[in-house]
């Protein structure tokens, strides 16, 4: 009986460790593309966070209208470029 319990616990531990690795690799995607997609998603999230921060600084009076306009325009352009890159990666992975 003790051997059965040890065997079941061992199988569960192996499954617990292997599950994230098996789940992280989507079928049909080229190796490394998931890492590239994650990097673009992370950059995009940082860009969107920066846009929110720029808006908050402007509302708080820490940025002039001119500085806000320049920073906001540049960061939004960066976010759009990252969204386009993400979308092209998604379309390329789906084909």
Protein backbone atom coordinates (compact mmCIF):
# COMPACT_ATOMS: atom_id res chain seq x y z
CA UNK A 1 0.00 0.00 0.00
CA UNK A 2 2.83 2.41 0.85
CA UNK A 3 4.43 1.77 -2.57
CA UNK A 4 1.18 2.65 -4.29
CA UNK A 5 0.93 5.93 -2.40
CA UNK A 6 4.56 6.79 -3.21
CA UNK A 7 3.96 5.97 -6.89
CA UNK A 8 0.85 8.14 -7.07
CA UNK A 9 2.58 11.05 -5.31
CA UNK A 10 5.58 10.71 -7.66
CA UNK A 11 3.36 10.80 -10.75
CA UNK A 12 1.52 13.84 -9.42
CA UNK A 13 4.80 15.67 -8.72
CA UNK A 14 6.12 14.93 -12.22
CA UNK A 15 2.84 16.11 -13.75
CA UNK A 16 2.89 19.25 -11.63
CA UNK A 17 6.41 20.13 -12.77
CA UNK A 18 5.85 19.18 -16.43
CA UNK A 19 2.46 20.87 -16.90
CA UNK A 20 3.72 24.48 -17.31
CA UNK A 21 6.38 23.36 -19.78
CA UNK A 22 3.94 21.35 -21.87
CA UNK A 23 1.28 24.04 -21.76
CA UNK A 24 3.66 26.88 -22.71
CA UNK A 25 4.57 25.46 -26.13
CA UNK A 26 1.62 26.01 -28.48
CA UNK A 27 1.38 23.49 -31.29
CA UNK A 28 2.37 24.67 -34.74
CA UNK A 29 4.31 27.74 -33.67
CA UNK A 30 7.96 27.99 -34.69
CA UNK A 31 10.50 27.66 -31.88
CA UNK A 32 11.28 31.01 -30.29
CA UNK A 33 8.22 32.80 -31.67
CA UNK A 34 6.45 32.52 -28.31
CA UNK A 35 9.39 34.25 -26.66
CA UNK A 36 9.35 37.01 -29.29
CA UNK A 37 5.60 37.46 -28.85
CA UNK A 38 5.98 37.66 -25.07
CA UNK A 39 8.73 40.26 -25.45
CA UNK A 40 6.52 42.40 -27.72
CA UNK A 41 3.58 42.00 -25.32
CA UNK A 42 5.81 43.10 -22.42
CA UNK A 43 7.08 46.12 -24.37
CA UNK A 44 3.52 47.03 -25.33
CA UNK A 45 2.38 46.83 -21.72
CA UNK A 46 5.24 49.10 -20.64
CA UNK A 47 4.32 51.55 -23.39
CA UNK A 48 0.67 51.62 -22.34
CA UNK A 49 1.75 52.11 -18.72
CA UNK A 50 3.96 55.01 -19.85
CA UNK A 51 1.01 56.62 -21.64
CA UNK A 52 -1.04 56.45 -18.45
CA UNK A 53 1.87 57.87 -16.46
CA UNK A 54 2.31 60.75 -18.92
CA UNK A 55 -1.41 61.54 -18.68
CA UNK A 56 -1.31 61.47 -14.87
CA UNK A 57 1.75 63.73 -14.78
CA UNK A 58 0.03 66.21 -17.10
CA UNK A 59 -3.15 66.22 -15.01
CA UNK A 60 -1.06 66.72 -11.86
CA UNK A 61 0.60 69.75 -13.44
CA UNK A 62 4.03 68.13 -13.68
CA UNK A 63 4.13 68.43 -17.49
CA UNK A 64 3.44 71.48 -19.61
CA UNK A 65 0.96 71.18 -22.45
CA UNK A 66 3.81 71.23 -24.98
CA UNK A 67 5.84 68.55 -23.19
CA UNK A 68 2.73 66.43 -22.74
CA UNK A 69 1.83 66.69 -26.43
CA UNK A 70 5.32 65.62 -27.52
CA UNK A 71 5.70 62.77 -25.02
CA UNK A 72 2.16 61.52 -25.56
CA UNK A 73 2.50 61.57 -29.36
CA UNK A 74 5.82 59.71 -29.29
CA UNK A 75 4.66 57.05 -26.82
CA UNK A 76 1.37 56.47 -28.64
CA UNK A 77 3.29 56.04 -31.91
CA UNK A 78 5.51 53.48 -30.17
CA UNK A 79 2.46 51.64 -28.84
CA UNK A 80 0.87 51.55 -32.30
CA UNK A 81 4.09 50.19 -33.79
CA UNK A 82 4.22 47.48 -31.11
CA UNK A 83 0.56 46.59 -31.72
CA UNK A 84 1.26 46.28 -35.44
CA UNK A 85 4.29 44.09 -34.74
CA UNK A 86 2.22 41.90 -32.39
CA UNK A 87 -0.57 41.60 -34.96
CA UNK A 88 1.84 40.65 -37.76
CA UNK A 89 3.41 38.02 -35.50
CA UNK A 90 -0.03 36.64 -34.69
CA UNK A 91 -1.01 36.55 -38.36
CA UNK A 92 2.28 34.89 -39.26
CA UNK A 93 1.85 32.25 -36.57
CA UNK A 94 -1.73 31.50 -37.60
CA UNK A 95 -0.88 30.90 -41.26
